[in-house]
Amino acid sequence: MTGEEAKVAALKELPVVWSNPIHGSIEYDRIVRIEYTPKDGRFIVGLALLDRNRHSVTVAPMEEVELIVLQVEKEPGVRYTAKGKG
């Protein structure tokens, strides 16, 4: 996800998916906060993601988060695909 996509998704409260290499793909209700953390002379961008039950927030690296695209008819067994991955 780019910075501009993250801003739009946060403002429109769109659902997202975090494609984590360890835990797989996890769906989240929306982005509640965009965080900039200085490290080694640059900023690391994290997205605070609200879980689908609205009980907790997880911060994920922006580059591992994508907008959820609704199921495509040609892939009936897929609940969602990440933008740009299908």
PDB file of N, CA and C in Angstrom:
ATOM      1  N   MET A   1       0.855  -1.175   0.000  1.00  0.00           N
ATOM      2  CA  MET A   1       0.000   0.000   0.000  1.00  0.00           C
ATOM      3  C   MET A   1       0.896   1.231   0.000  1.00  0.00           C
ATOM      4  N   THR A   2       0.501   2.216  -0.774  1.00  0.00           N
ATOM      5  CA  THR A   2       1.236   3.473  -0.798  1.00  0.00           C
ATOM      6  C   THR A   2       0.696   4.409   0.277  1.00  0.00           C
ATOM      7  N   GLY A   3       1.408   5.495   0.519  1.00  0.00           N
ATOM      8  CA  GLY A   3       0.962   6.480   1.495  1.00  0.00           C
ATOM      9  C   GLY A   3      -0.381   7.091   1.131  1.00  0.00           C
ATOM     10  N   GLU A   4      -0.569   7.388  -0.155  1.00  0.00           N
ATOM     11  CA  GLU A   4      -1.830   7.971  -0.607  1.00  0.00           C
ATOM     12  C   GLU A   4      -2.985   6.979  -0.438  1.00  0.00           C
ATOM     13  N   GLU A   5      -2.756   5.711  -0.777  1.00  0.00           N
ATOM     14  CA  GLU A   5      -3.793   4.684  -0.591  1.00  0.00           C
ATOM     15  C   GLU A   5      -4.145   4.544   0.885  1.00  0.00           C
ATOM     16  N   ALA A   6      -3.142   4.610   1.756  1.00  0.00           N
ATOM     17  CA  ALA A   6      -3.386   4.495   3.197  1.00  0.00           C
ATOM     18  C   ALA A   6      -4.238   5.655   3.697  1.00  0.00           C
ATOM     19  N   LYS A   7      -3.955   6.867   3.229  1.00  0.00           N
ATOM     20  CA  LYS A   7      -4.743   8.039   3.631  1.00  0.00           C
ATOM     21  C   LYS A   7      -6.198   7.890   3.214  1.00  0.00           C
ATOM     22  N   VAL A   8      -6.412   7.505   1.955  1.00  0.00           N
ATOM     23  CA  VAL A   8      -7.782   7.345   1.439  1.00  0.00           C
ATOM     24  C   VAL A   8      -8.511   6.240   2.199  1.00  0.00           C
ATOM     25  N   ALA A   9      -7.838   5.099   2.401  1.00  0.00           N
ATOM     26  CA  ALA A   9      -8.461   3.979   3.112  1.00  0.00           C
ATOM     27  C   ALA A   9      -8.823   4.367   4.545  1.00  0.00           C
ATOM     28  N   ALA A  10      -7.958   5.134   5.214  1.00  0.00           N
ATOM     29  CA  ALA A  10      -8.234   5.564   6.588  1.00  0.00           C
ATOM     30  C   ALA A  10      -9.421   6.523   6.624  1.00  0.00           C
ATOM     31  N   LEU A  11      -9.438   7.495   5.729  1.00  0.00           N
ATOM     32  CA  LEU A  11     -10.529   8.475   5.716  1.00  0.00           C
ATOM     33  C   LEU A  11     -11.871   7.859   5.341  1.00  0.00           C
ATOM     34  N   LYS A  12     -11.853   6.890   4.440  1.00  0.00           N
ATOM     35  CA  LYS A  12     -13.100   6.239   4.007  1.00  0.00           C
ATOM     36  C   LYS A  12     -13.447   5.029   4.867  1.00  0.00           C
ATOM     37  N   GLU A  13     -12.573   4.702   5.848  1.00  0.00           N
ATOM     38  CA  GLU A  13     -12.770   3.560   6.750  1.00  0.00           C
ATOM     39  C   GLU A  13     -12.983   2.261   5.981  1.00  0.00           C
ATOM     40  N   LEU A  14     -12.118   2.007   4.993  1.00  0.00           N
ATOM     41  CA  LEU A  14     -12.211   0.807   4.165  1.00  0.00           C
ATOM     42  C   LEU A  14     -11.534  -0.387   4.845  1.00  0.00           C
ATOM     43  N   PRO A  15     -12.051  -1.596   4.651  1.00  0.00           N
ATOM     44  CA  PRO A  15     -11.413  -2.785   5.224  1.00  0.00           C
ATOM     45  C   PRO A  15     -10.096  -3.088   4.516  1.00  0.00           C
ATOM     46  N   VAL A  16      -9.154  -3.630   5.278  1.00  0.00           N
ATOM     47  CA  VAL A  16      -7.832  -3.948   4.740  1.00  0.00           C
ATOM     48  C   VAL A  16      -7.420  -5.354   5.159  1.00  0.00           C
ATOM     49  N   VAL A  17      -6.369  -5.851   4.527  1.00  0.00           N
ATOM     50  CA  VAL A  17      -5.805  -7.150   4.885  1.00  0.00           C
ATOM     51  C   VAL A  17      -4.301  -6.963   5.070  1.00  0.00           C
ATOM     52  N   TRP A  18      -3.773  -7.550   6.133  1.00  0.00           N
ATOM     53  CA  TRP A  18      -2.335  -7.530   6.393  1.00  0.00           C
ATOM     54  C   TRP A  18      -1.782  -8.873   5.962  1.00  0.00           C
ATOM     55  N   SER A  19      -0.940  -8.874   4.959  1.00  0.00           N
ATOM     56  CA  SER A  19      -0.315 -10.107   4.476  1.00  0.00           C
ATOM     57  C   SER A  19       1.010 -10.273   5.203  1.00  0.00           C
ATOM     58  N   ASN A  20       0.952 -10.934   6.342  1.00  0.00           N
ATOM     59  CA  ASN A  20       2.110 -11.134   7.203  1.00  0.00           C
ATOM     60  C   ASN A  20       2.819 -12.416   6.799  1.00  0.00           C
ATOM     61  N   PRO A  21       4.139 -12.365   6.582  1.00  0.00           N
ATOM     62  CA  PRO A  21       4.858 -13.569   6.145  1.00  0.00           C
ATOM     63  C   PRO A  21       4.827 -14.707   7.173  1.00  0.00           C
ATOM     64  N   ILE A  22       4.624 -14.396   8.436  1.00  0.00           N
ATOM     65  CA  ILE A  22       4.605 -15.426   9.486  1.00  0.00           C
ATOM     66  C   ILE A  22       3.195 -15.958   9.731  1.00  0.00           C
ATOM     67  N   HIS A  23       2.201 -15.055   9.838  1.00  0.00           N
ATOM     68  CA  HIS A  23       0.835 -15.446  10.210  1.00  0.00           C
ATOM     69  C   HIS A  23      -0.121 -15.556   9.031  1.00  0.00           C
ATOM     70  N   GLY A  24       0.315 -15.222   7.842  1.00  0.00           N
ATOM     71  CA  GLY A  24      -0.564 -15.271   6.682  1.00  0.00           C
ATOM     72  C   GLY A  24      -1.374 -13.990   6.544  1.00  0.00           C
ATOM     73  N   SER A  25      -2.476 -14.055   5.841  1.00  0.00           N
ATOM     74  CA  SER A  25      -3.327 -12.885   5.596  1.00  0.00           C
ATOM     75  C   SER A  25      -4.382 -12.768   6.683  1.00  0.00           C
ATOM     76  N   ILE A  26      -4.464 -11.570   7.271  1.00  0.00           N
ATOM     77  CA  ILE A  26      -5.428 -11.312   8.344  1.00  0.00           C
ATOM     78  C   ILE A  26      -6.249 -10.086   7.950  1.00  0.00           C
ATOM     79  N   GLU A  27      -7.577 -10.222   8.006  1.00  0.00           N
ATOM     80  CA  GLU A  27      -8.476  -9.115   7.669  1.00  0.00           C
ATOM     81  C   GLU A  27      -8.650  -8.191   8.867  1.00  0.00           C
ATOM     82  N   TYR A  28      -8.725  -6.897   8.591  1.00  0.00           N
ATOM     83  CA  TYR A  28      -8.969  -5.893   9.627  1.00  0.00           C
ATOM     84  C   TYR A  28     -10.106  -4.983   9.195  1.00  0.00           C
ATOM     85  N   ASP A  29     -10.820  -4.444  10.181  1.00  0.00           N
ATOM     86  CA  ASP A  29     -11.976  -3.597   9.938  1.00  0.00           C
ATOM     87  C   ASP A  29     -11.596  -2.318   9.195  1.00  0.00           C
ATOM     88  N   ARG A  30     -10.509  -1.655   9.662  1.00  0.00           N
ATOM     89  CA  ARG A  30     -10.085  -0.405   9.027  1.00  0.00           C
ATOM     90  C   ARG A  30      -8.772   0.082   9.618  1.00  0.00           C
ATOM     91  N   ILE A  31      -8.227   1.110   9.021  1.00  0.00           N
ATOM     92  CA  ILE A  31      -7.035   1.785   9.531  1.00  0.00           C
ATOM     93  C   ILE A  31      -7.510   2.892  10.468  1.00  0.00           C
ATOM     94  N   VAL A  32      -7.034   2.888  11.712  1.00  0.00           N
ATOM     95  CA  VAL A  32      -7.455   3.917  12.660  1.00  0.00           C
ATOM     96  C   VAL A  32      -6.396   5.000  12.863  1.00  0.00           C
ATOM     97  N   ARG A  33      -5.160   4.719  12.433  1.00  0.00           N
ATOM     98  CA  ARG A  33      -4.093   5.683  12.652  1.00  0.00           C
ATOM     99  C   ARG A  33      -2.919   5.361  11.728  1.00  0.00           C
ATOM    100  N   ILE A  34      -2.245   6.406  11.251  1.00  0.00           N
ATOM    101  CA  ILE A  34      -1.014   6.248  10.486  1.00  0.00           C
ATOM    102  C   ILE A  34       0.116   6.785  11.354  1.00  0.00           C
ATOM    103  N   GLU A  35       1.122   5.939  11.601  1.00  0.00           N
ATOM    104  CA  GLU A  35       2.217   6.308  12.499  1.00  0.00           C
ATOM    105  C   GLU A  35       3.532   6.447  11.738  1.00  0.00           C
ATOM    106  N   TYR A  36       4.278   7.484  12.067  1.00  0.00           N
ATOM    107  CA  TYR A  36       5.601   7.709  11.485  1.00  0.00           C
ATOM    108  C   TYR A  36       6.621   7.613  12.612  1.00  0.00           C
ATOM    109  N   THR A  37       7.531   6.646  12.534  1.00  0.00           N
ATOM    110  CA  THR A  37       8.538   6.433  13.564  1.00  0.00           C
ATOM    111  C   THR A  37       9.923   6.674  12.971  1.00  0.00           C
ATOM    112  N   PRO A  38      10.697   7.633  13.551  1.00  0.00           N
ATOM    113  CA  PRO A  38      12.037   7.865  13.020  1.00  0.00           C
ATOM    114  C   PRO A  38      12.986   6.726  13.384  1.00  0.00           C
ATOM    115  N   LYS A  39      13.765   6.277  12.388  1.00  0.00           N
ATOM    116  CA  LYS A  39      14.735   5.217  12.630  1.00  0.00           C
ATOM    117  C   LYS A  39      15.846   5.323  11.585  1.00  0.00           C
ATOM    118  N   ASP A  40      17.075   5.378  12.052  1.00  0.00           N
ATOM    119  CA  ASP A  40      18.246   5.427  11.168  1.00  0.00           C
ATOM    120  C   ASP A  40      18.167   6.544  10.126  1.00  0.00           C
ATOM    121  N   GLY A  41      17.718   7.718  10.538  1.00  0.00           N
ATOM    122  CA  GLY A  41      17.680   8.866   9.644  1.00  0.00           C
ATOM    123  C   GLY A  41      16.534   8.893   8.655  1.00  0.00           C
ATOM    124  N   ARG A  42      15.564   8.027   8.820  1.00  0.00           N
ATOM    125  CA  ARG A  42      14.391   8.024   7.941  1.00  0.00           C
ATOM    126  C   ARG A  42      13.159   7.652   8.768  1.00  0.00           C
ATOM    127  N   PHE A  43      11.997   7.733   8.166  1.00  0.00           N
ATOM    128  CA  PHE A  43      10.759   7.376   8.854  1.00  0.00           C
ATOM    129  C   PHE A  43      10.280   6.005   8.417  1.00  0.00           C
ATOM    130  N   ILE A  44       9.835   5.229   9.371  1.00  0.00           N
ATOM    131  CA  ILE A  44       9.176   3.950   9.104  1.00  0.00           C
ATOM    132  C   ILE A  44       7.679   4.210   9.297  1.00  0.00           C
ATOM    133  N   VAL A  45       6.876   3.828   8.304  1.00  0.00           N
ATOM    134  CA  VAL A  45       5.436   4.088   8.365  1.00  0.00           C
ATOM    135  C   VAL A  45       4.710   2.816   8.795  1.00  0.00           C
ATOM    136  N   GLY A  46       3.924   2.950   9.863  1.00  0.00           N
ATOM    137  CA  GLY A  46       3.116   1.842  10.354  1.00  0.00           C
ATOM    138  C   GLY A  46       1.644   2.225  10.316  1.00  0.00           C
ATOM    139  N   LEU A  47       0.809   1.252  10.081  1.00  0.00           N
ATOM    140  CA  LEU A  47      -0.639   1.483  10.075  1.00  0.00           C
ATOM    141  C   LEU A  47      -1.258   0.776  11.269  1.00  0.00           C
ATOM    142  N   ALA A  48      -1.995   1.526  12.076  1.00  0.00           N
ATOM    143  CA  ALA A  48      -2.705   0.946  13.212  1.00  0.00           C
ATOM    144  C   ALA A  48      -4.027   0.391  12.692  1.00  0.00           C
ATOM    145  N   LEU A  49      -4.191  -0.932  12.778  1.00  0.00           N
ATOM    146  CA  LEU A  49      -5.339  -1.629  12.205  1.00  0.00           C
ATOM    147  C   LEU A  49      -6.290  -2.104  13.293  1.00  0.00           C
ATOM    148  N   LEU A  50      -7.560  -1.770  13.161  1.00  0.00           N
ATOM    149  CA  LEU A  50      -8.588  -2.196  14.109  1.00  0.00           C
ATOM    150  C   LEU A  50      -9.080  -3.580  13.716  1.00  0.00           C
ATOM    151  N   ASP A  51      -9.060  -4.523  14.669  1.00  0.00           N
ATOM    152  CA  ASP A  51      -9.490  -5.888  14.341  1.00  0.00           C
ATOM    153  C   ASP A  51     -10.980  -5.922  14.029  1.00  0.00           C
ATOM    154  N   ARG A  52     -11.413  -7.004  13.410  1.00  0.00           N
ATOM    155  CA  ARG A  52     -12.802  -7.106  12.948  1.00  0.00           C
ATOM    156  C   ARG A  52     -13.819  -7.125  14.088  1.00  0.00           C
ATOM    157  N   ASN A  53     -13.393  -7.501  15.290  1.00  0.00           N
ATOM    158  CA  ASN A  53     -14.294  -7.472  16.450  1.00  0.00           C
ATOM    159  C   ASN A  53     -14.269  -6.124  17.150  1.00  0.00           C
ATOM    160  N   ARG A  54     -13.400  -5.242  16.680  1.00  0.00           N
ATOM    161  CA  ARG A  54     -13.234  -3.891  17.241  1.00  0.00           C
ATOM    162  C   ARG A  54     -12.807  -3.918  18.704  1.00  0.00           C
ATOM    163  N   HIS A  55     -11.933  -4.890  19.038  1.00  0.00           N
ATOM    164  CA  HIS A  55     -11.441  -5.017  20.412  1.00  0.00           C
ATOM    165  C   HIS A  55      -9.983  -4.639  20.566  1.00  0.00           C
ATOM    166  N   SER A  56      -9.220  -4.680  19.473  1.00  0.00           N
ATOM    167  CA  SER A  56      -7.791  -4.394  19.592  1.00  0.00           C
ATOM    168  C   SER A  56      -7.251  -3.735  18.336  1.00  0.00           C
ATOM    169  N   VAL A  57      -6.082  -3.127  18.501  1.00  0.00           N
ATOM    170  CA  VAL A  57      -5.406  -2.461  17.396  1.00  0.00           C
ATOM    171  C   VAL A  57      -4.024  -3.078  17.241  1.00  0.00           C
ATOM    172  N   THR A  58      -3.640  -3.374  16.010  1.00  0.00           N
ATOM    173  CA  THR A  58      -2.330  -3.934  15.687  1.00  0.00           C
ATOM    174  C   THR A  58      -1.634  -2.983  14.723  1.00  0.00           C
ATOM    175  N   VAL A  59      -0.347  -2.722  14.963  1.00  0.00           N
ATOM    176  CA  VAL A  59       0.413  -1.865  14.053  1.00  0.00           C
ATOM    177  C   VAL A  59       1.196  -2.751  13.093  1.00  0.00           C
ATOM    178  N   ALA A  60       1.000  -2.504  11.803  1.00  0.00           N
ATOM    179  CA  ALA A  60       1.647  -3.298  10.751  1.00  0.00           C
ATOM    180  C   ALA A  60       2.429  -2.373   9.823  1.00  0.00           C
ATOM    181  N   PRO A  61       3.502  -2.876   9.208  1.00  0.00           N
ATOM    182  CA  PRO A  61       4.233  -2.076   8.226  1.00  0.00           C
ATOM    183  C   PRO A  61       3.337  -1.751   7.032  1.00  0.00           C
ATOM    184  N   MET A  62       3.355  -0.513   6.593  1.00  0.00           N
ATOM    185  CA  MET A  62       2.473  -0.069   5.517  1.00  0.00           C
ATOM    186  C   MET A  62       2.624  -0.918   4.257  1.00  0.00           C
ATOM    187  N   GLU A  63       3.844  -1.337   3.926  1.00  0.00           N
ATOM    188  CA  GLU A  63       4.060  -2.079   2.689  1.00  0.00           C
ATOM    189  C   GLU A  63       3.475  -3.490   2.713  1.00  0.00           C
ATOM    190  N   GLU A  64       3.064  -3.988   3.901  1.00  0.00           N
ATOM    191  CA  GLU A  64       2.471  -5.323   4.001  1.00  0.00           C
ATOM    192  C   GLU A  64       0.940  -5.287   4.063  1.00  0.00           C
ATOM    193  N   VAL A  65       0.337  -4.100   3.975  1.00  0.00           N
ATOM    194  CA  VAL A  65      -1.121  -3.946   4.081  1.00  0.00           C
ATOM    195  C   VAL A  65      -1.685  -3.581   2.714  1.00  0.00           C
ATOM    196  N   GLU A  66      -2.831  -4.181   2.382  1.00  0.00           N
ATOM    197  CA  GLU A  66      -3.506  -3.920   1.108  1.00  0.00           C
ATOM    198  C   GLU A  66      -4.999  -3.715   1.358  1.00  0.00           C
ATOM    199  N   LEU A  67      -5.647  -3.005   0.431  1.00  0.00           N
ATOM    200  CA  LEU A  67      -7.100  -2.878   0.470  1.00  0.00           C
ATOM    201  C   LEU A  67      -7.725  -4.229   0.148  1.00  0.00           C
ATOM    202  N   ILE A  68      -8.864  -4.497   0.742  1.00  0.00           N
ATOM    203  CA  ILE A  68      -9.582  -5.727   0.417  1.00  0.00           C
ATOM    204  C   ILE A  68     -10.419  -5.483  -0.825  1.00  0.00           C
ATOM    205  N   VAL A  69     -10.309  -6.401  -1.772  1.00  0.00           N
ATOM    206  CA  VAL A  69     -11.116  -6.372  -2.983  1.00  0.00           C
ATOM    207  C   VAL A  69     -12.127  -7.498  -2.836  1.00  0.00           C
ATOM    208  N   LEU A  70     -13.393  -7.200  -3.062  1.00  0.00           N
ATOM    209  CA  LEU A  70     -14.431  -8.212  -2.876  1.00  0.00           C
ATOM    210  C   LEU A  70     -14.233  -9.381  -3.820  1.00  0.00           C
ATOM    211  N   GLN A  71     -14.842 -10.499  -3.476  1.00  0.00           N
ATOM    212  CA  GLN A  71     -14.706 -11.738  -4.226  1.00  0.00           C
ATOM    213  C   GLN A  71     -14.974 -11.533  -5.711  1.00  0.00           C
ATOM    214  N   VAL A  72     -14.140 -12.146  -6.512  1.00  0.00           N
ATOM    215  CA  VAL A  72     -14.266 -12.073  -7.965  1.00  0.00           C
ATOM    216  C   VAL A  72     -14.964 -13.353  -8.432  1.00  0.00           C
ATOM    217  N   GLU A  73     -15.942 -13.232  -9.340  1.00  0.00           N
ATOM    218  CA  GLU A  73     -16.715 -14.388  -9.789  1.00  0.00           C
ATOM    219  C   GLU A  73     -15.843 -15.480 -10.382  1.00  0.00           C
ATOM    220  N   LYS A  74     -14.759 -15.116 -11.049  1.00  0.00           N
ATOM    221  CA  LYS A  74     -13.914 -16.137 -11.680  1.00  0.00           C
ATOM    222  C   LYS A  74     -13.106 -16.928 -10.651  1.00  0.00           C
ATOM    223  N   GLU A  75     -13.092 -16.500  -9.398  1.00  0.00           N
ATOM    224  CA  GLU A  75     -12.396 -17.205  -8.329  1.00  0.00           C
ATOM    225  C   GLU A  75     -13.374 -17.460  -7.179  1.00  0.00           C
ATOM    226  N   PRO A  76     -14.357 -18.353  -7.365  1.00  0.00           N
ATOM    227  CA  PRO A  76     -15.418 -18.525  -6.356  1.00  0.00           C
ATOM    228  C   PRO A  76     -14.926 -19.010  -4.991  1.00  0.00           C
ATOM    229  N   GLY A  77     -13.778 -19.657  -4.918  1.00  0.00           N
ATOM    230  CA  GLY A  77     -13.291 -20.138  -3.629  1.00  0.00           C
ATOM    231  C   GLY A  77     -12.513 -19.103  -2.841  1.00  0.00           C
ATOM    232  N   VAL A  78     -12.334 -17.901  -3.398  1.00  0.00           N
ATOM    233  CA  VAL A  78     -11.542 -16.859  -2.751  1.00  0.00           C
ATOM    234  C   VAL A  78     -12.457 -15.855  -2.093  1.00  0.00           C
ATOM    235  N   ARG A  79     -12.263 -15.640  -0.789  1.00  0.00           N
ATOM    236  CA  ARG A  79     -13.087 -14.664  -0.065  1.00  0.00           C
ATOM    237  C   ARG A  79     -12.687 -13.239  -0.460  1.00  0.00           C
ATOM    238  N   TYR A  80     -11.408 -12.995  -0.599  1.00  0.00           N
ATOM    239  CA  TYR A  80     -10.917 -11.695  -1.005  1.00  0.00           C
ATOM    240  C   TYR A  80      -9.563 -11.862  -1.674  1.00  0.00           C
ATOM    241  N   THR A  81      -9.176 -10.845  -2.379  1.00  0.00           N
ATOM    242  CA  THR A  81      -7.810 -10.783  -2.891  1.00  0.00           C
ATOM    243  C   THR A  81      -7.271  -9.417  -2.549  1.00  0.00           C
ATOM    244  N   ALA A  82      -5.987  -9.322  -2.322  1.00  0.00           N
ATOM    245  CA  ALA A  82      -5.383  -8.034  -2.061  1.00  0.00           C
ATOM    246  C   ALA A  82      -5.236  -7.293  -3.377  1.00  0.00           C
ATOM    247  N   LYS A  83      -5.412  -5.977  -3.334  1.00  0.00           N
ATOM    248  CA  LYS A  83      -5.302  -5.150  -4.536  1.00  0.00           C
ATOM    249  C   LYS A  83      -3.930  -5.368  -5.157  1.00  0.00           C
ATOM    250  N   GLY A  84      -3.904  -5.554  -6.455  1.00  0.00           N
ATOM    251  CA  GLY A  84      -2.650  -5.709  -7.162  1.00  0.00           C
ATOM    252  C   GLY A  84      -2.085  -7.120  -7.126  1.00  0.00           C
ATOM    253  N   LYS A  85      -2.744  -8.056  -6.449  1.00  0.00           N
ATOM    254  CA  LYS A  85      -2.263  -9.420  -6.359  1.00  0.00           C
ATOM    255  C   LYS A  85      -3.066 -10.377  -7.234  1.00  0.00           C
ATOM    256  N   GLY A  86      -4.108  -9.872  -7.925  1.00  0.00           N
ATOM    257  CA  GLY A  86      -4.954 -10.768  -8.695  1.00  0.00           C
ATOM    258  C   GLY A  86      -5.050 -10.353 -10.053  1.00  0.00           C
TER     259      GLY A  86
END
